[in-house]
Each structure stands twice: as structure tokens, then as C-alpha cells.
N, C-alpha and C. Protein backbone atom coordinates (compact mmCIF):
# COMPACT_ATOMS: atom_id res chain seq x y z
N MET A 1 3.46 48.74 19.91
CA MET A 1 4.70 48.58 19.17
C MET A 1 5.91 48.72 20.12
N GLU A 2 5.85 49.70 21.01
CA GLU A 2 6.96 49.91 21.94
C GLU A 2 7.09 48.75 22.92
N ASN A 3 5.92 48.21 23.32
CA ASN A 3 5.93 47.06 24.22
C ASN A 3 6.55 45.85 23.53
N GLN A 4 6.25 45.68 22.25
CA GLN A 4 6.81 44.57 21.47
C GLN A 4 8.34 44.70 21.37
N CYS A 5 8.82 45.92 21.14
CA CYS A 5 10.27 46.14 21.04
C CYS A 5 10.95 45.83 22.37
N LYS A 6 10.29 46.18 23.46
CA LYS A 6 10.87 45.91 24.78
C LYS A 6 10.97 44.40 25.02
N LYS A 7 9.94 43.66 24.63
CA LYS A 7 9.98 42.20 24.80
C LYS A 7 11.08 41.58 23.95
N ILE A 8 11.26 42.08 22.74
CA ILE A 8 12.30 41.54 21.86
C ILE A 8 13.68 41.84 22.44
N LYS A 9 13.88 43.04 22.98
CA LYS A 9 15.17 43.37 23.59
C LYS A 9 15.47 42.44 24.76
N GLU A 10 14.44 42.15 25.57
CA GLU A 10 14.64 41.24 26.70
C GLU A 10 14.99 39.83 26.22
N LYS A 11 14.35 39.38 25.14
CA LYS A 11 14.67 38.07 24.59
C LYS A 11 16.11 38.02 24.08
N ILE A 12 16.55 39.09 23.44
CA ILE A 12 17.93 39.15 22.93
C ILE A 12 18.92 39.00 24.08
N VAL A 13 18.68 39.75 25.15
CA VAL A 13 19.57 39.69 26.32
C VAL A 13 19.57 38.29 26.92
N ASP A 14 18.37 37.70 27.07
CA ASP A 14 18.28 36.36 27.64
C ASP A 14 19.01 35.33 26.79
N PHE A 15 18.79 35.36 25.47
CA PHE A 15 19.43 34.37 24.61
C PHE A 15 20.94 34.53 24.62
N LYS A 16 21.44 35.76 24.69
CA LYS A 16 22.88 35.95 24.76
C LYS A 16 23.44 35.41 26.08
N ARG A 17 22.70 35.60 27.16
CA ARG A 17 23.14 35.06 28.46
C ARG A 17 23.17 33.54 28.44
N PHE A 18 22.11 32.94 27.88
CA PHE A 18 22.08 31.48 27.78
C PHE A 18 23.25 30.98 26.95
N GLY A 19 23.53 31.65 25.85
CA GLY A 19 24.64 31.26 24.98
C GLY A 19 25.98 31.34 25.70
N CYS A 20 26.18 32.41 26.43
CA CYS A 20 27.44 32.56 27.18
C CYS A 20 27.57 31.52 28.28
N THR A 21 26.47 31.22 28.95
CA THR A 21 26.50 30.21 30.01
C THR A 21 26.83 28.84 29.44
N LEU A 22 26.21 28.48 28.32
CA LEU A 22 26.51 27.18 27.71
C LEU A 22 27.94 27.12 27.20
N THR A 23 28.45 28.24 26.70
CA THR A 23 29.85 28.27 26.25
C THR A 23 30.79 28.04 27.43
N ALA A 24 30.50 28.68 28.55
CA ALA A 24 31.35 28.50 29.74
C ALA A 24 31.30 27.06 30.23
N LEU A 25 30.13 26.46 30.24
CA LEU A 25 30.01 25.06 30.65
C LEU A 25 30.77 24.13 29.72
N SER A 26 30.73 24.42 28.43
CA SER A 26 31.44 23.57 27.48
C SER A 26 32.95 23.67 27.68
N VAL A 27 33.43 24.83 28.09
CA VAL A 27 34.86 24.98 28.36
C VAL A 27 35.27 24.08 29.53
N PHE A 28 34.45 24.03 30.58
CA PHE A 28 34.78 23.18 31.72
C PHE A 28 34.76 21.70 31.35
N LEU A 29 33.79 21.31 30.53
CA LEU A 29 33.77 19.91 30.09
C LEU A 29 34.96 19.59 29.21
N TYR A 30 35.34 20.52 28.36
CA TYR A 30 36.49 20.29 27.49
C TYR A 30 37.78 20.18 28.30
N LEU A 31 37.87 20.97 29.37
CA LEU A 31 39.05 20.84 30.24
C LEU A 31 39.11 19.44 30.86
N GLY A 32 37.96 18.85 31.13
CA GLY A 32 37.93 17.48 31.63
C GLY A 32 38.45 16.49 30.61
N VAL A 33 38.28 16.82 29.33
CA VAL A 33 38.79 15.95 28.27
C VAL A 33 40.29 16.11 28.12
N VAL A 34 40.77 17.33 28.17
CA VAL A 34 42.16 17.63 27.87
C VAL A 34 43.10 17.29 29.03
N LEU A 35 42.70 17.62 30.24
CA LEU A 35 43.58 17.40 31.39
C LEU A 35 43.73 15.91 31.69
N PRO A 36 44.95 15.47 31.90
CA PRO A 36 45.15 14.05 32.21
C PRO A 36 44.75 13.74 33.65
N VAL A 37 43.88 12.76 33.79
CA VAL A 37 43.42 12.33 35.11
C VAL A 37 43.62 10.82 35.18
N GLU A 38 44.22 10.39 36.26
CA GLU A 38 44.47 8.97 36.42
C GLU A 38 43.15 8.24 36.64
N GLY A 39 42.95 7.18 35.91
CA GLY A 39 41.74 6.38 36.08
C GLY A 39 40.60 6.78 35.15
N LYS A 40 40.84 7.78 34.30
CA LYS A 40 39.78 8.20 33.37
C LYS A 40 39.75 7.21 32.21
N THR A 41 38.57 6.67 31.95
CA THR A 41 38.44 5.68 30.90
C THR A 41 38.12 6.35 29.56
N GLU A 42 38.19 5.56 28.51
CA GLU A 42 37.88 6.05 27.16
C GLU A 42 36.41 6.46 27.05
N ILE A 43 35.55 5.71 27.73
CA ILE A 43 34.11 6.02 27.70
C ILE A 43 33.85 7.37 28.36
N GLN A 44 34.49 7.63 29.48
CA GLN A 44 34.32 8.92 30.16
C GLN A 44 34.81 10.06 29.29
N THR A 45 35.93 9.87 28.62
CA THR A 45 36.45 10.90 27.73
C THR A 45 35.49 11.17 26.59
N ASN A 46 34.94 10.10 26.01
CA ASN A 46 33.99 10.27 24.91
C ASN A 46 32.71 10.95 25.37
N MET A 47 32.25 10.63 26.58
CA MET A 47 31.04 11.28 27.10
C MET A 47 31.27 12.76 27.36
N LEU A 48 32.44 13.09 27.89
CA LEU A 48 32.76 14.50 28.11
C LEU A 48 32.83 15.26 26.79
N MET A 49 33.40 14.64 25.78
CA MET A 49 33.51 15.28 24.47
C MET A 49 32.13 15.43 23.83
N ALA A 50 31.28 14.43 23.98
CA ALA A 50 29.92 14.52 23.45
C ALA A 50 29.14 15.63 24.17
N GLY A 51 29.30 15.72 25.47
CA GLY A 51 28.65 16.80 26.23
C GLY A 51 29.14 18.17 25.80
N THR A 52 30.43 18.26 25.54
CA THR A 52 31.00 19.52 25.06
C THR A 52 30.38 19.93 23.73
N MET A 53 30.26 18.96 22.83
CA MET A 53 29.68 19.26 21.52
C MET A 53 28.21 19.66 21.63
N VAL A 54 27.46 19.00 22.48
CA VAL A 54 26.05 19.34 22.66
C VAL A 54 25.92 20.76 23.20
N LEU A 55 26.75 21.12 24.17
CA LEU A 55 26.68 22.47 24.74
C LEU A 55 27.09 23.53 23.72
N ILE A 56 28.08 23.24 22.91
CA ILE A 56 28.50 24.20 21.89
C ILE A 56 27.40 24.39 20.85
N ILE A 57 26.77 23.30 20.44
CA ILE A 57 25.67 23.42 19.48
C ILE A 57 24.51 24.20 20.08
N GLY A 58 24.19 23.93 21.34
CA GLY A 58 23.14 24.69 22.02
C GLY A 58 23.48 26.17 22.12
N SER A 59 24.72 26.45 22.43
CA SER A 59 25.17 27.83 22.51
C SER A 59 25.05 28.53 21.16
N ALA A 60 25.44 27.84 20.10
CA ALA A 60 25.33 28.43 18.76
C ALA A 60 23.87 28.70 18.41
N LEU A 61 22.98 27.80 18.81
CA LEU A 61 21.56 28.01 18.53
C LEU A 61 21.02 29.23 19.27
N PHE A 62 21.44 29.40 20.52
CA PHE A 62 20.98 30.57 21.27
C PHE A 62 21.51 31.87 20.67
N PHE A 63 22.78 31.86 20.26
CA PHE A 63 23.32 33.07 19.62
C PHE A 63 22.63 33.34 18.28
N TYR A 64 22.28 32.28 17.55
CA TYR A 64 21.55 32.44 16.29
C TYR A 64 20.18 33.06 16.53
N LYS A 65 19.48 32.57 17.57
CA LYS A 65 18.16 33.14 17.90
C LYS A 65 18.28 34.60 18.31
N ALA A 66 19.33 34.94 19.07
CA ALA A 66 19.53 36.33 19.48
C ALA A 66 19.75 37.21 18.26
N GLN A 67 20.53 36.72 17.30
CA GLN A 67 20.78 37.48 16.08
C GLN A 67 19.50 37.65 15.27
N LYS A 68 18.70 36.61 15.22
CA LYS A 68 17.44 36.65 14.49
C LYS A 68 16.50 37.70 15.10
N TYR A 69 16.41 37.73 16.43
CA TYR A 69 15.58 38.72 17.09
C TYR A 69 16.15 40.13 16.92
N HIS A 70 17.46 40.24 16.84
CA HIS A 70 18.08 41.55 16.63
C HIS A 70 17.69 42.11 15.26
N VAL A 71 17.69 41.25 14.25
CA VAL A 71 17.27 41.68 12.91
C VAL A 71 15.81 42.10 12.93
N GLN A 72 14.98 41.32 13.65
CA GLN A 72 13.56 41.65 13.76
C GLN A 72 13.37 42.99 14.48
N LEU A 73 14.16 43.24 15.50
CA LEU A 73 14.07 44.50 16.23
C LEU A 73 14.45 45.68 15.34
N THR A 74 15.50 45.52 14.54
CA THR A 74 15.89 46.62 13.63
C THR A 74 14.79 46.89 12.61
N GLU A 75 14.12 45.86 12.16
CA GLU A 75 13.03 46.06 11.22
C GLU A 75 11.89 46.83 11.86
N TYR A 76 11.56 46.49 13.14
CA TYR A 76 10.52 47.22 13.84
C TYR A 76 10.90 48.68 14.04
N GLU A 77 12.17 48.93 14.38
CA GLU A 77 12.60 50.30 14.62
C GLU A 77 12.65 51.10 13.34
N GLU A 78 12.93 50.46 12.20
CA GLU A 78 12.92 51.17 10.93
C GLU A 78 11.51 51.55 10.51
N ASP A 79 10.53 50.74 10.89
CA ASP A 79 9.14 51.03 10.54
C ASP A 79 8.62 52.26 11.27
N ASP A 80 9.17 52.55 12.45
CA ASP A 80 8.73 53.72 13.22
C ASP A 80 9.21 54.96 12.58
């Protein structure tokens, strides 16, 4: 049981790190959309925006999984 709790805690930390990393990457892509750059085409802007949305959705999924594991961990700790 204690080994299981340790694995869940590690998963929570990993998923939160992945979520933060994807959020940071999405910020950089969004800056590419917002900042005016000479020669940037409409297609490039749309691709940057699509990439930003994909990264934000991925980040939300990782934070959701971390929250799900956190609830599972609290249930395990309550059973002890």
C-alpha cells in the first residue's frame, strides 16, 4: 500500500511538470501569434494558433490527470 502511494505521488509530480512545460511552450507560440513580424503569412499565424491550442489542451489534460491521481491518493490515505 505504501509503495502504491509513493508511485501515485510520483505520477502527480510528473503530470504537473508536464502540464507546466506545455503551458510554457504554449505561451511562446502565442507570442509568435501576437508579436508583429514582417513577412509572417496568414497560414503561419493560423498554424501557430493551432499549436497553441493543442498545447493548452494537452496541458489541461495533464493537470486533470494529476487531479484525478490526487483524489485517488487521498482515498488510499483515508483507508489507512
